Amino acid sequence: MTRAGAERVGTAAALDKLIPVVLAFGGGVLLARRKVVPADTSKAFADYAFLFAVPCYLFGSIYASDLGALFRWRAILGYATAAAVAVLAVGLAARLLGRRGPRAAALRIMASVQVNTAYFAVPVFITVFGTAAPVFPVLLFQVCVLSMVVITVMELGRPPHPGAGPGTAVRGLRAVVRAVGASLATPLVLACNAGLLLNLLTVPVPGAVLDGLAFVGDSASPVALFALGLHLGGLGLNLRGTTWEEAGIIAFKCLAFPLLTWAVCGVLFGVTGDWLAYLVLIAAMPTPQNLFVFAQRYDVDVDLSAALVIKSSVAALLLLPLWLHWASLVRG
């Protein structure tokens, strides 16, 4: 078979694996638009996926994984370096565009660099690659580094209350510690760390328990995508109202950041094959839903955050076939 023929076969195989993604997501959109399933029930489906099904899947997957293959330190360091470059670029752009407040800049950095792991990356990876284990190191990096930085900036950037005494900084620091602790205590992170710890300690887990976790975990991908489809189908899209800033952030998130990850990981760090494909695809995932949660909590650009979450999800889904085609070429 010629190289061109092999490329066509690889692309067709990748697109075939995308069909379940489109069905689950599109089914949610269609049912919400026709009001067959109320759009506001998306939260129940999303909570089931985020709080139960995805943790079950990740625990079993990480527990059974070869940790030496899972933690490719060169690949992880390359991704972290690409994220650091992106943070600096977006922070500088925010300053040049007049977004003087540190919290406004931090929100834009989060929208441009962090990825939707639980509701997008995990189900896509399960469907396309048969495993979401490569998402785990990036998930920890986001929670332990990127989210911590954003939370710290948000908390320390709170305007002081009238009459606040000298203990304001201490209270702000305590709030940061509580927020970071809460993010580390989410079921997603706890399941990952539990699977990692039991794997390292070679603690035996009964086969029946692992089978039960796999049974529940298998529902994570379709339910998460269906919930996302319900949510987007209920809200609808106002593309005419898209601002230049929204378009720029979405373009950076869905195109520039994955290309930057490709350059840094592939050229500077020499990452090749499967892991290069994994990291670039993860970088191409949309803005996380937590952006909207943070915006509401700290009352910073709430409308902008909601628009970025929705529109970046649609953009990422539309661009996914192109990235899958590229991944099929990189993986050989």
C-alpha atoms as a PDB file:
ATOM      1  CA  MET A   1       0.000   0.000   0.000  1.00  0.00           C
ATOM      2  CA  THR A   2       1.292   3.483  -0.858  1.00  0.00           C
ATOM      3  CA  ARG A   3       1.841   6.132   1.796  1.00  0.00           C
ATOM      4  CA  ALA A   4      -1.153   8.098   0.519  1.00  0.00           C
ATOM      5  CA  GLY A   5      -3.309   4.992   0.742  1.00  0.00           C
ATOM      6  CA  ALA A   6      -2.132   4.283   4.277  1.00  0.00           C
ATOM      7  CA  GLU A   7      -2.934   7.869   5.263  1.00  0.00           C
ATOM      8  CA  ARG A   8      -6.460   7.530   3.866  1.00  0.00           C
ATOM      9  CA  VAL A   9      -7.010   4.279   5.752  1.00  0.00           C
ATOM     10  CA  GLY A  10      -5.706   5.804   8.994  1.00  0.00           C
ATOM     11  CA  THR A  11      -7.879   8.873   8.581  1.00  0.00           C
ATOM     12  CA  ALA A  12     -10.961   6.767   7.835  1.00  0.00           C
ATOM     13  CA  ALA A  13     -10.329   4.664  10.940  1.00  0.00           C
ATOM     14  CA  ALA A  14      -9.978   7.794  13.082  1.00  0.00           C
ATOM     15  CA  LEU A  15     -13.178   9.284  11.676  1.00  0.00           C
ATOM     16  CA  ASP A  16     -15.018   6.007  12.279  1.00  0.00           C
ATOM     17  CA  LYS A  17     -14.110   6.297  15.957  1.00  0.00           C
ATOM     18  CA  LEU A  18     -15.523   9.815  15.962  1.00  0.00           C
ATOM     19  CA  ILE A  19     -19.023   8.567  15.069  1.00  0.00           C
ATOM     20  CA  PRO A  20     -19.925   7.581  18.676  1.00  0.00           C
ATOM     21  CA  VAL A  21     -18.784  11.030  19.854  1.00  0.00           C
ATOM     22  CA  VAL A  22     -21.039  12.744  17.323  1.00  0.00           C
ATOM     23  CA  LEU A  23     -23.973  10.442  18.131  1.00  0.00           C
ATOM     24  CA  ALA A  24     -23.810  10.977  21.904  1.00  0.00           C
ATOM     25  CA  PHE A  25     -23.203  14.719  21.649  1.00  0.00           C
ATOM     26  CA  GLY A  26     -25.606  15.273  18.751  1.00  0.00           C
ATOM     27  CA  GLY A  27     -28.311  13.221  20.450  1.00  0.00           C
ATOM     28  CA  GLY A  28     -28.146  15.516  23.457  1.00  0.00           C
ATOM     29  CA  VAL A  29     -28.345  18.627  21.266  1.00  0.00           C
ATOM     30  CA  LEU A  30     -31.282  17.257  19.237  1.00  0.00           C
ATOM     31  CA  LEU A  31     -33.322  16.110  22.246  1.00  0.00           C
ATOM     32  CA  ALA A  32     -32.763  19.404  24.039  1.00  0.00           C
ATOM     33  CA  ARG A  33     -33.676  21.478  20.978  1.00  0.00           C
ATOM     34  CA  ARG A  34     -36.882  19.460  20.486  1.00  0.00           C
ATOM     35  CA  LYS A  35     -37.580  19.671  24.237  1.00  0.00           C
ATOM     36  CA  VAL A  36     -37.897  15.883  24.461  1.00  0.00           C
ATOM     37  CA  VAL A  37     -35.429  15.918  27.345  1.00  0.00           C
ATOM     38  CA  PRO A  38     -35.304  19.148  29.385  1.00  0.00           C
ATOM     39  CA  ALA A  39     -31.977  20.910  28.908  1.00  0.00           C
ATOM     40  CA  ASP A  40     -31.703  21.644  32.619  1.00  0.00           C
ATOM     41  CA  THR A  41     -31.384  17.905  33.311  1.00  0.00           C
ATOM     42  CA  SER A  42     -27.901  18.138  31.799  1.00  0.00           C
ATOM     43  CA  LYS A  43     -26.607  18.947  35.287  1.00  0.00           C
ATOM     44  CA  ALA A  44     -27.847  15.607  36.617  1.00  0.00           C
ATOM     45  CA  PHE A  45     -26.171  13.714  33.767  1.00  0.00           C
ATOM     46  CA  ALA A  46     -23.009  15.788  34.136  1.00  0.00           C
ATOM     47  CA  ASP A  47     -22.895  15.230  37.899  1.00  0.00           C
ATOM     48  CA  TYR A  48     -23.265  11.481  37.407  1.00  0.00           C
ATOM     49  CA  ALA A  49     -20.371  11.491  34.945  1.00  0.00           C
ATOM     50  CA  PHE A  50     -18.115  13.863  36.889  1.00  0.00           C
ATOM     51  CA  LEU A  51     -18.790  12.637  40.423  1.00  0.00           C
ATOM     52  CA  PHE A  52     -19.183   8.904  39.795  1.00  0.00           C
ATOM     53  CA  ALA A  53     -18.647   7.367  36.350  1.00  0.00           C
ATOM     54  CA  VAL A  54     -15.424   9.146  35.348  1.00  0.00           C
ATOM     55  CA  PRO A  55     -13.775   8.550  38.777  1.00  0.00           C
ATOM     56  CA  CYS A  56     -14.713   4.855  38.538  1.00  0.00           C
ATOM     57  CA  TYR A  57     -13.157   4.648  35.102  1.00  0.00           C
ATOM     58  CA  LEU A  58      -9.979   6.510  36.025  1.00  0.00           C
ATOM     59  CA  PHE A  59      -9.388   4.522  39.211  1.00  0.00           C
ATOM     60  CA  GLY A  60      -9.620   1.187  37.414  1.00  0.00           C
ATOM     61  CA  SER A  61      -7.629   2.403  34.433  1.00  0.00           C
ATOM     62  CA  ILE A  62      -4.769   3.872  36.472  1.00  0.00           C
ATOM     63  CA  TYR A  63      -4.694   0.936  38.889  1.00  0.00           C
ATOM     64  CA  ALA A  64      -4.196  -1.452  35.972  1.00  0.00           C
ATOM     65  CA  SER A  65      -1.746   0.798  34.091  1.00  0.00           C
ATOM     66  CA  ASP A  66       1.989   0.537  33.663  1.00  0.00           C
ATOM     67  CA  LEU A  67       2.983   3.706  35.510  1.00  0.00           C
ATOM     68  CA  GLY A  68       6.328   3.797  33.742  1.00  0.00           C
ATOM     69  CA  ALA A  69       4.489   4.148  30.442  1.00  0.00           C
ATOM     70  CA  LEU A  70       1.882   6.497  31.902  1.00  0.00           C
ATOM     71  CA  PHE A  71       4.338   9.047  33.319  1.00  0.00           C
ATOM     72  CA  ARG A  72       6.553  10.008  30.404  1.00  0.00           C
ATOM     73  CA  TRP A  73       8.391  12.786  32.161  1.00  0.00           C
ATOM     74  CA  ARG A  74       9.844  14.309  28.997  1.00  0.00           C
ATOM     75  CA  ALA A  75       6.363  14.513  27.512  1.00  0.00           C
ATOM     76  CA  ILE A  76       4.860  15.984  30.696  1.00  0.00           C
ATOM     77  CA  LEU A  77       7.676  18.523  31.035  1.00  0.00           C
ATOM     78  CA  GLY A  78       7.211  19.479  27.379  1.00  0.00           C
ATOM     79  CA  TYR A  79       3.486  20.060  27.908  1.00  0.00           C
ATOM     80  CA  ALA A  80       4.165  22.098  31.055  1.00  0.00           C
ATOM     81  CA  THR A  81       6.671  24.226  29.138  1.00  0.00           C
ATOM     82  CA  ALA A  82       4.183  24.842  26.320  1.00  0.00           C
ATOM     83  CA  ALA A  83       1.554  25.820  28.908  1.00  0.00           C
ATOM     84  CA  ALA A  84       4.008  28.234  30.575  1.00  0.00           C
ATOM     85  CA  VAL A  85       4.767  29.910  27.235  1.00  0.00           C
ATOM     86  CA  ALA A  86       1.029  30.172  26.541  1.00  0.00           C
ATOM     87  CA  VAL A  87       0.398  31.690  29.988  1.00  0.00           C
ATOM     88  CA  LEU A  88       3.020  34.383  29.343  1.00  0.00           C
ATOM     89  CA  ALA A  89       1.673  35.102  25.853  1.00  0.00           C
ATOM     90  CA  VAL A  90      -1.954  35.431  26.974  1.00  0.00           C
ATOM     91  CA  GLY A  91      -0.999  37.469  30.048  1.00  0.00           C
ATOM     92  CA  LEU A  92       0.990  39.891  27.876  1.00  0.00           C
ATOM     93  CA  ALA A  93      -1.855  40.132  25.345  1.00  0.00           C
ATOM     94  CA  ALA A  94      -4.347  40.845  28.148  1.00  0.00           C
ATOM     95  CA  ARG A  95      -2.148  43.652  29.426  1.00  0.00           C
ATOM     96  CA  LEU A  96      -1.663  45.153  25.966  1.00  0.00           C
ATOM     97  CA  LEU A  97      -5.427  45.055  25.363  1.00  0.00           C
ATOM     98  CA  GLY A  98      -6.058  47.029  28.544  1.00  0.00           C
ATOM     99  CA  ARG A  99      -7.200  44.197  30.822  1.00  0.00           C
ATOM    100  CA  ARG A 100      -5.341  45.747  33.724  1.00  0.00           C
ATOM    101  CA  GLY A 101      -6.870  43.788  36.584  1.00  0.00           C
ATOM    102  CA  PRO A 102      -4.930  40.647  37.547  1.00  0.00           C
ATOM    103  CA  ARG A 103      -8.161  38.683  38.002  1.00  0.00           C
ATOM    104  CA  ALA A 104      -9.356  39.548  34.477  1.00  0.00           C
ATOM    105  CA  ALA A 105      -6.003  38.444  33.076  1.00  0.00           C
ATOM    106  CA  ALA A 106      -6.045  35.220  35.143  1.00  0.00           C
ATOM    107  CA  LEU A 107      -9.515  34.371  33.815  1.00  0.00           C
ATOM    108  CA  ARG A 108      -8.367  34.818  30.217  1.00  0.00           C
ATOM    109  CA  ILE A 109      -5.285  32.698  30.870  1.00  0.00           C
ATOM    110  CA  MET A 110      -7.483  29.928  32.272  1.00  0.00           C
ATOM    111  CA  ALA A 111      -9.769  30.127  29.226  1.00  0.00           C
ATOM    112  CA  SER A 112      -6.823  29.932  26.821  1.00  0.00           C
ATOM    113  CA  VAL A 113      -4.616  27.295  28.467  1.00  0.00           C
ATOM    114  CA  GLN A 114      -6.684  24.968  30.649  1.00  0.00           C
ATOM    115  CA  VAL A 115      -8.631  22.157  28.964  1.00  0.00           C
ATOM    116  CA  ASN A 116     -11.922  20.415  29.614  1.00  0.00           C
ATOM    117  CA  THR A 117     -10.654  17.043  30.813  1.00  0.00           C
ATOM    118  CA  ALA A 118     -13.639  15.422  32.533  1.00  0.00           C
ATOM    119  CA  TYR A 119     -16.417  16.281  30.098  1.00  0.00           C
ATOM    120  CA  PHE A 120     -14.506  16.335  26.821  1.00  0.00           C
ATOM    121  CA  ALA A 121     -10.992  14.884  26.856  1.00  0.00           C
ATOM    122  CA  VAL A 122     -11.828  11.739  28.850  1.00  0.00           C
ATOM    123  CA  PRO A 123     -14.842  10.660  26.738  1.00  0.00           C
ATOM    124  CA  VAL A 124     -13.042  11.493  23.468  1.00  0.00           C
ATOM    125  CA  PHE A 125      -9.930   9.548  24.486  1.00  0.00           C
ATOM    126  CA  ILE A 126     -11.963   6.550  25.645  1.00  0.00           C
ATOM    127  CA  THR A 127     -13.850   6.484  22.347  1.00  0.00           C
ATOM    128  CA  VAL A 128     -10.891   7.100  20.032  1.00  0.00           C
ATOM    129  CA  PHE A 129      -7.982   5.402  21.826  1.00  0.00           C
ATOM    130  CA  GLY A 130      -9.764   2.985  24.149  1.00  0.00           C
ATOM    131  CA  THR A 131      -8.136   4.600  27.205  1.00  0.00           C
ATOM    132  CA  ALA A 132      -8.099   7.968  28.933  1.00  0.00           C
ATOM    133  CA  ALA A 133      -5.024   7.221  31.052  1.00  0.00           C
ATOM    134  CA  PRO A 134      -2.811   9.747  29.180  1.00  0.00           C
ATOM    135  CA  VAL A 135      -5.168  12.505  30.365  1.00  0.00           C
ATOM    136  CA  PHE A 136      -4.292  11.809  34.019  1.00  0.00           C
ATOM    137  CA  PRO A 137      -0.864  13.538  34.163  1.00  0.00           C
ATOM    138  CA  VAL A 138      -2.286  16.648  32.479  1.00  0.00           C
ATOM    139  CA  LEU A 139      -5.268  16.586  34.855  1.00  0.00           C
ATOM    140  CA  LEU A 140      -2.942  16.619  37.864  1.00  0.00           C
ATOM    141  CA  PHE A 141      -0.842  19.392  36.313  1.00  0.00           C
ATOM    142  CA  GLN A 142      -3.961  21.501  35.822  1.00  0.00           C
ATOM    143  CA  VAL A 143      -5.268  20.950  39.337  1.00  0.00           C
ATOM    144  CA  CYS A 144      -1.971  21.244  41.200  1.00  0.00           C
ATOM    145  CA  VAL A 145      -0.362  24.049  39.177  1.00  0.00           C
ATOM    146  CA  LEU A 146      -2.592  25.987  36.774  1.00  0.00           C
ATOM    147  CA  SER A 147      -5.756  26.040  38.901  1.00  0.00           C
ATOM    148  CA  MET A 148      -3.758  26.846  42.027  1.00  0.00           C
ATOM    149  CA  VAL A 149      -2.187  29.875  40.318  1.00  0.00           C
ATOM    150  CA  VAL A 150      -5.582  31.111  39.074  1.00  0.00           C
ATOM    151  CA  ILE A 151      -7.210  30.623  42.491  1.00  0.00           C
ATOM    152  CA  THR A 152      -4.349  32.441  44.203  1.00  0.00           C
ATOM    153  CA  VAL A 153      -4.628  35.434  41.856  1.00  0.00           C
ATOM    154  CA  MET A 154      -8.418  35.516  42.247  1.00  0.00           C
ATOM    155  CA  GLU A 155      -8.303  35.366  46.034  1.00  0.00           C
ATOM    156  CA  LEU A 156      -5.488  37.870  46.487  1.00  0.00           C
ATOM    157  CA  GLY A 157      -7.127  40.170  43.952  1.00  0.00           C
ATOM    158  CA  ARG A 158     -10.361  40.462  45.917  1.00  0.00           C
ATOM    159  CA  PRO A 159     -11.098  44.091  46.821  1.00  0.00           C
ATOM    160  CA  PRO A 160     -10.681  44.626  50.576  1.00  0.00           C
ATOM    161  CA  HIS A 161     -13.860  44.903  52.605  1.00  0.00           C
ATOM    162  CA  PRO A 162     -14.505  48.266  54.238  1.00  0.00           C
ATOM    163  CA  GLY A 163     -12.891  48.341  57.648  1.00  0.00           C
ATOM    164  CA  ALA A 164     -10.772  45.239  56.970  1.00  0.00           C
ATOM    165  CA  GLY A 165      -7.920  45.041  59.412  1.00  0.00           C
ATOM    166  CA  PRO A 166      -4.316  43.882  59.040  1.00  0.00           C
ATOM    167  CA  GLY A 167      -5.475  40.267  58.991  1.00  0.00           C
ATOM    168  CA  THR A 168      -6.879  40.595  55.470  1.00  0.00           C
ATOM    169  CA  ALA A 169      -3.803  39.016  53.828  1.00  0.00           C
ATOM    170  CA  VAL A 170      -3.919  36.118  56.271  1.00  0.00           C
ATOM    171  CA  ARG A 171      -7.598  35.521  55.566  1.00  0.00           C
ATOM    172  CA  GLY A 172      -6.866  35.654  51.833  1.00  0.00           C
ATOM    173  CA  LEU A 173      -4.117  33.072  52.221  1.00  0.00           C
ATOM    174  CA  ARG A 174      -6.438  30.816  54.194  1.00  0.00           C
ATOM    175  CA  ALA A 175      -9.046  31.147  51.456  1.00  0.00           C
ATOM    176  CA  VAL A 176      -6.435  30.120  48.884  1.00  0.00           C
ATOM    177  CA  VAL A 177      -5.463  27.069  50.951  1.00  0.00           C
ATOM    178  CA  ARG A 178      -9.124  26.048  51.336  1.00  0.00           C
ATOM    179  CA  ALA A 179      -9.795  26.490  47.628  1.00  0.00           C
ATOM    180  CA  VAL A 180      -6.736  24.468  46.615  1.00  0.00           C
ATOM    181  CA  GLY A 181      -7.645  21.772  49.143  1.00  0.00           C
ATOM    182  CA  ALA A 182     -11.170  21.622  47.734  1.00  0.00           C
ATOM    183  CA  SER A 183      -9.874  21.203  44.180  1.00  0.00           C
ATOM    184  CA  LEU A 184      -7.568  18.389  45.286  1.00  0.00           C
ATOM    185  CA  ALA A 185     -10.459  16.704  47.107  1.00  0.00           C
ATOM    186  CA  THR A 186     -12.710  16.366  44.048  1.00  0.00           C
ATOM    187  CA  PRO A 187     -13.778  12.776  43.253  1.00  0.00           C
ATOM    188  CA  LEU A 188     -11.841  12.934  39.993  1.00  0.00           C
ATOM    189  CA  VAL A 189      -8.506  13.710  41.641  1.00  0.00           C
ATOM    190  CA  LEU A 190      -9.135  11.419  44.620  1.00  0.00           C
ATOM    191  CA  ALA A 191      -9.877   8.493  42.288  1.00  0.00           C
ATOM    192  CA  CYS A 192      -6.725   9.158  40.277  1.00  0.00           C
ATOM    193  CA  ASN A 193      -4.537   9.382  43.377  1.00  0.00           C
ATOM    194  CA  ALA A 194      -6.135   6.298  44.930  1.00  0.00           C
ATOM    195  CA  GLY A 195      -5.507   4.271  41.777  1.00  0.00           C
ATOM    196  CA  LEU A 196      -1.939   5.556  41.654  1.00  0.00           C
ATOM    197  CA  LEU A 197      -1.257   4.749  45.322  1.00  0.00           C
ATOM    198  CA  LEU A 198      -2.711   1.223  45.208  1.00  0.00           C
ATOM    199  CA  ASN A 199      -0.805   0.572  41.980  1.00  0.00           C
ATOM    200  CA  LEU A 200       2.482   1.669  43.551  1.00  0.00           C
ATOM    201  CA  LEU A 201       1.856  -0.357  46.712  1.00  0.00           C
ATOM    202  CA  THR A 202       0.642  -3.365  44.655  1.00  0.00           C
ATOM    203  CA  VAL A 203      -2.431  -3.624  46.863  1.00  0.00           C
ATOM    204  CA  PRO A 204      -4.721  -6.323  45.441  1.00  0.00           C
ATOM    205  CA  VAL A 205      -8.219  -5.184  44.467  1.00  0.00           C
ATOM    206  CA  PRO A 206     -10.803  -7.957  43.997  1.00  0.00           C
ATOM    207  CA  GLY A 207     -11.646  -8.710  40.406  1.00  0.00           C
ATOM    208  CA  ALA A 208     -15.364  -8.299  41.090  1.00  0.00           C
ATOM    209  CA  VAL A 209     -14.738  -4.742  42.310  1.00  0.00           C
ATOM    210  CA  LEU A 210     -12.673  -3.901  39.234  1.00  0.00           C
ATOM    211  CA  ASP A 211     -15.387  -5.376  36.993  1.00  0.00           C
ATOM    212  CA  GLY A 212     -17.998  -3.242  38.760  1.00  0.00           C
ATOM    213  CA  LEU A 213     -15.886  -0.126  38.339  1.00  0.00           C
ATOM    214  CA  ALA A 214     -15.387  -0.940  34.654  1.00  0.00           C
ATOM    215  CA  PHE A 215     -19.146  -1.439  34.204  1.00  0.00           C
ATOM    216  CA  VAL A 216     -19.905   2.005  35.629  1.00  0.00           C
ATOM    217  CA  GLY A 217     -16.864   3.577  33.976  1.00  0.00           C
ATOM    218  CA  ASP A 218     -17.972   2.429  30.543  1.00  0.00           C
ATOM    219  CA  SER A 219     -20.937   4.795  30.833  1.00  0.00           C
ATOM    220  CA  ALA A 220     -18.714   7.831  31.505  1.00  0.00           C
ATOM    221  CA  SER A 221     -17.971   8.670  27.891  1.00  0.00           C
ATOM    222  CA  PRO A 222     -21.490   8.613  26.378  1.00  0.00           C
ATOM    223  CA  VAL A 223     -23.150  10.206  29.414  1.00  0.00           C
ATOM    224  CA  ALA A 224     -20.634  13.071  29.616  1.00  0.00           C
ATOM    225  CA  LEU A 225     -20.978  13.815  25.908  1.00  0.00           C
ATOM    226  CA  PHE A 226     -24.765  13.535  26.078  1.00  0.00           C
ATOM    227  CA  ALA A 227     -24.821  15.968  29.025  1.00  0.00           C
ATOM    228  CA  LEU A 228     -22.665  18.431  27.099  1.00  0.00           C
ATOM    229  CA  GLY A 229     -24.988  18.149  24.108  1.00  0.00           C
ATOM    230  CA  LEU A 230     -28.049  18.776  26.301  1.00  0.00           C
ATOM    231  CA  HIS A 231     -26.393  21.811  27.842  1.00  0.00           C
ATOM    232  CA  LEU A 232     -25.379  23.367  24.536  1.00  0.00           C
ATOM    233  CA  GLY A 233     -28.661  22.437  22.850  1.00  0.00           C
ATOM    234  CA  GLY A 234     -30.604  24.189  25.579  1.00  0.00           C
ATOM    235  CA  LEU A 235     -28.541  27.367  25.556  1.00  0.00           C
ATOM    236  CA  GLY A 236     -28.182  27.745  21.818  1.00  0.00           C
ATOM    237  CA  LEU A 237     -25.504  29.825  20.129  1.00  0.00           C
ATOM    238  CA  ASN A 238     -25.448  33.504  19.290  1.00  0.00           C
ATOM    239  CA  LEU A 239     -22.606  33.534  16.790  1.00  0.00           C
ATOM    240  CA  ARG A 240     -23.500  37.021  15.566  1.00  0.00           C
ATOM    241  CA  GLY A 241     -22.795  38.367  19.007  1.00  0.00           C
ATOM    242  CA  THR A 242     -19.275  36.932  19.150  1.00  0.00           C
ATOM    243  CA  THR A 243     -16.779  39.650  20.022  1.00  0.00           C
ATOM    244  CA  TRP A 244     -13.269  39.927  18.632  1.00  0.00           C
ATOM    245  CA  GLU A 245     -11.898  39.060  22.057  1.00  0.00           C
ATOM    246  CA  GLU A 246     -13.979  35.879  22.247  1.00  0.00           C
ATOM    247  CA  ALA A 247     -12.899  34.864  18.741  1.00  0.00           C
ATOM    248  CA  GLY A 248      -9.252  35.507  19.587  1.00  0.00           C
ATOM    249  CA  ILE A 249      -9.330  33.448  22.790  1.00  0.00           C
ATOM    250  CA  ILE A 250     -11.158  30.570  21.072  1.00  0.00           C
ATOM    251  CA  ALA A 251      -8.697  30.616  18.167  1.00  0.00           C
ATOM    252  CA  PHE A 252      -5.786  30.554  20.595  1.00  0.00           C
ATOM    253  CA  LYS A 253      -7.318  27.736  22.650  1.00  0.00           C
ATOM    254  CA  CYS A 254      -8.373  25.482  19.773  1.00  0.00           C
ATOM    255  CA  LEU A 255      -5.611  26.215  17.248  1.00  0.00           C
ATOM    256  CA  ALA A 256      -2.627  28.168  18.571  1.00  0.00           C
ATOM    257  CA  PHE A 257      -2.191  26.280  21.854  1.00  0.00           C
ATOM    258  CA  PRO A 258      -2.200  22.786  20.278  1.00  0.00           C
ATOM    259  CA  LEU A 259       0.205  24.011  17.569  1.00  0.00           C
ATOM    260  CA  LEU A 260       2.445  25.491  20.272  1.00  0.00           C
ATOM    261  CA  THR A 261       2.300  22.176  22.149  1.00  0.00           C
ATOM    262  CA  TRP A 262       3.254  20.357  18.944  1.00  0.00           C
ATOM    263  CA  ALA A 263       6.250  22.647  18.416  1.00  0.00           C
ATOM    264  CA  VAL A 264       7.513  22.620  22.012  1.00  0.00           C
ATOM    265  CA  CYS A 265       6.964  18.910  22.705  1.00  0.00           C
ATOM    266  CA  GLY A 266       7.957  17.644  19.270  1.00  0.00           C
ATOM    267  CA  VAL A 267      10.854  19.956  18.407  1.00  0.00           C
ATOM    268  CA  LEU A 268      12.338  21.080  21.728  1.00  0.00           C
ATOM    269  CA  PHE A 269      11.671  17.941  23.798  1.00  0.00           C
ATOM    270  CA  GLY A 270      11.803  15.292  21.088  1.00  0.00           C
ATOM    271  CA  VAL A 271       8.432  13.725  21.941  1.00  0.00           C
ATOM    272  CA  THR A 272       7.187  11.507  19.097  1.00  0.00           C
ATOM    273  CA  GLY A 273       4.545   8.917  18.235  1.00  0.00           C
ATOM    274  CA  ASP A 274       1.587   8.259  20.506  1.00  0.00           C
ATOM    275  CA  TRP A 275       2.518  10.724  23.232  1.00  0.00           C
ATOM    276  CA  LEU A 276       2.928  13.623  20.818  1.00  0.00           C
ATOM    277  CA  ALA A 277      -0.536  12.845  19.444  1.00  0.00           C
ATOM    278  CA  TYR A 278      -1.973  12.565  22.975  1.00  0.00           C
ATOM    279  CA  LEU A 279      -0.567  15.895  24.174  1.00  0.00           C
ATOM    280  CA  VAL A 280      -1.591  17.867  21.092  1.00  0.00           C
ATOM    281  CA  LEU A 281      -5.110  16.422  21.191  1.00  0.00           C
ATOM    282  CA  ILE A 282      -5.405  17.264  24.892  1.00  0.00           C
ATOM    283  CA  ALA A 283      -4.268  20.824  24.163  1.00  0.00           C
ATOM    284  CA  ALA A 284      -6.952  21.042  21.449  1.00  0.00           C
ATOM    285  CA  MET A 285      -9.750  20.326  23.929  1.00  0.00           C
ATOM    286  CA  PRO A 286     -12.078  23.253  24.740  1.00  0.00           C
ATOM    287  CA  THR A 287     -12.129  25.670  27.657  1.00  0.00           C
ATOM    288  CA  PRO A 288     -13.204  23.914  30.904  1.00  0.00           C
ATOM    289  CA  GLN A 289     -16.601  24.477  32.476  1.00  0.00           C
ATOM    290  CA  ASN A 290     -14.810  25.466  35.673  1.00  0.00           C
ATOM    291  CA  LEU A 291     -14.080  28.801  33.998  1.00  0.00           C
ATOM    292  CA  PHE A 292     -17.736  29.758  34.389  1.00  0.00           C
ATOM    293  CA  VAL A 293     -17.730  28.523  38.004  1.00  0.00           C
ATOM    294  CA  PHE A 294     -14.683  30.672  38.808  1.00  0.00           C
ATOM    295  CA  ALA A 295     -16.158  33.689  37.025  1.00  0.00           C
ATOM    296  CA  GLN A 296     -19.368  33.438  39.025  1.00  0.00           C
ATOM    297  CA  ARG A 297     -17.564  32.914  42.325  1.00  0.00           C
ATOM    298  CA  TYR A 298     -15.313  35.936  41.894  1.00  0.00           C
ATOM    299  CA  ASP A 299     -17.740  38.050  39.819  1.00  0.00           C
ATOM    300  CA  VAL A 300     -15.307  38.534  36.936  1.00  0.00           C
ATOM    301  CA  ASP A 301     -16.502  38.610  33.287  1.00  0.00           C
ATOM    302  CA  VAL A 302     -19.301  36.096  33.853  1.00  0.00           C
ATOM    303  CA  ASP A 303     -20.947  36.573  30.423  1.00  0.00           C
ATOM    304  CA  LEU A 304     -17.604  36.293  28.625  1.00  0.00           C
ATOM    305  CA  SER A 305     -16.816  33.072  30.495  1.00  0.00           C
ATOM    306  CA  ALA A 306     -20.144  31.449  29.618  1.00  0.00           C
ATOM    307  CA  ALA A 307     -19.696  32.351  25.943  1.00  0.00           C
ATOM    308  CA  LEU A 308     -16.146  30.964  25.857  1.00  0.00           C
ATOM    309  CA  VAL A 309     -17.142  27.634  27.415  1.00  0.00           C
ATOM    310  CA  ILE A 310     -19.974  27.112  24.938  1.00  0.00           C
ATOM    311  CA  LYS A 311     -18.329  28.397  21.755  1.00  0.00           C
ATOM    312  CA  SER A 312     -14.936  26.760  22.374  1.00  0.00           C
ATOM    313  CA  SER A 313     -16.737  23.421  22.877  1.00  0.00           C
ATOM    314  CA  VAL A 314     -18.430  23.755  19.498  1.00  0.00           C
ATOM    315  CA  ALA A 315     -15.196  24.877  17.827  1.00  0.00           C
ATOM    316  CA  ALA A 316     -13.229  22.005  19.363  1.00  0.00           C
ATOM    317  CA  LEU A 317     -15.809  19.479  18.203  1.00  0.00           C
ATOM    318  CA  LEU A 318     -15.760  20.864  14.645  1.00  0.00           C
ATOM    319  CA  LEU A 319     -11.947  20.801  14.558  1.00  0.00           C
ATOM    320  CA  LEU A 320     -11.671  17.339  16.125  1.00  0.00           C
ATOM    321  CA  PRO A 321     -11.694  15.442  12.777  1.00  0.00           C
ATOM    322  CA  LEU A 322      -8.700  17.494  11.604  1.00  0.00           C
ATOM    323  CA  TRP A 323      -6.742  16.787  14.770  1.00  0.00           C
ATOM    324  CA  LEU A 324      -7.655  13.096  14.598  1.00  0.00           C
ATOM    325  CA  HIS A 325      -6.422  12.984  11.013  1.00  0.00           C
ATOM    326  CA  TRP A 326      -3.138  14.548  12.131  1.00  0.00           C
ATOM    327  CA  ALA A 327      -2.899  12.128  15.074  1.00  0.00           C
ATOM    328  CA  SER A 328      -3.354   9.138  12.761  1.00  0.00           C
ATOM    329  CA  LEU A 329      -0.391  10.360  10.714  1.00  0.00           C
ATOM    330  CA  VAL A 330       1.829  10.981  13.742  1.00  0.00           C
ATOM    331  CA  ARG A 331       1.065   7.590  15.266  1.00  0.00           C
ATOM    332  CA  GLY A 332       1.943   5.910  11.979  1.00  0.00           C
END
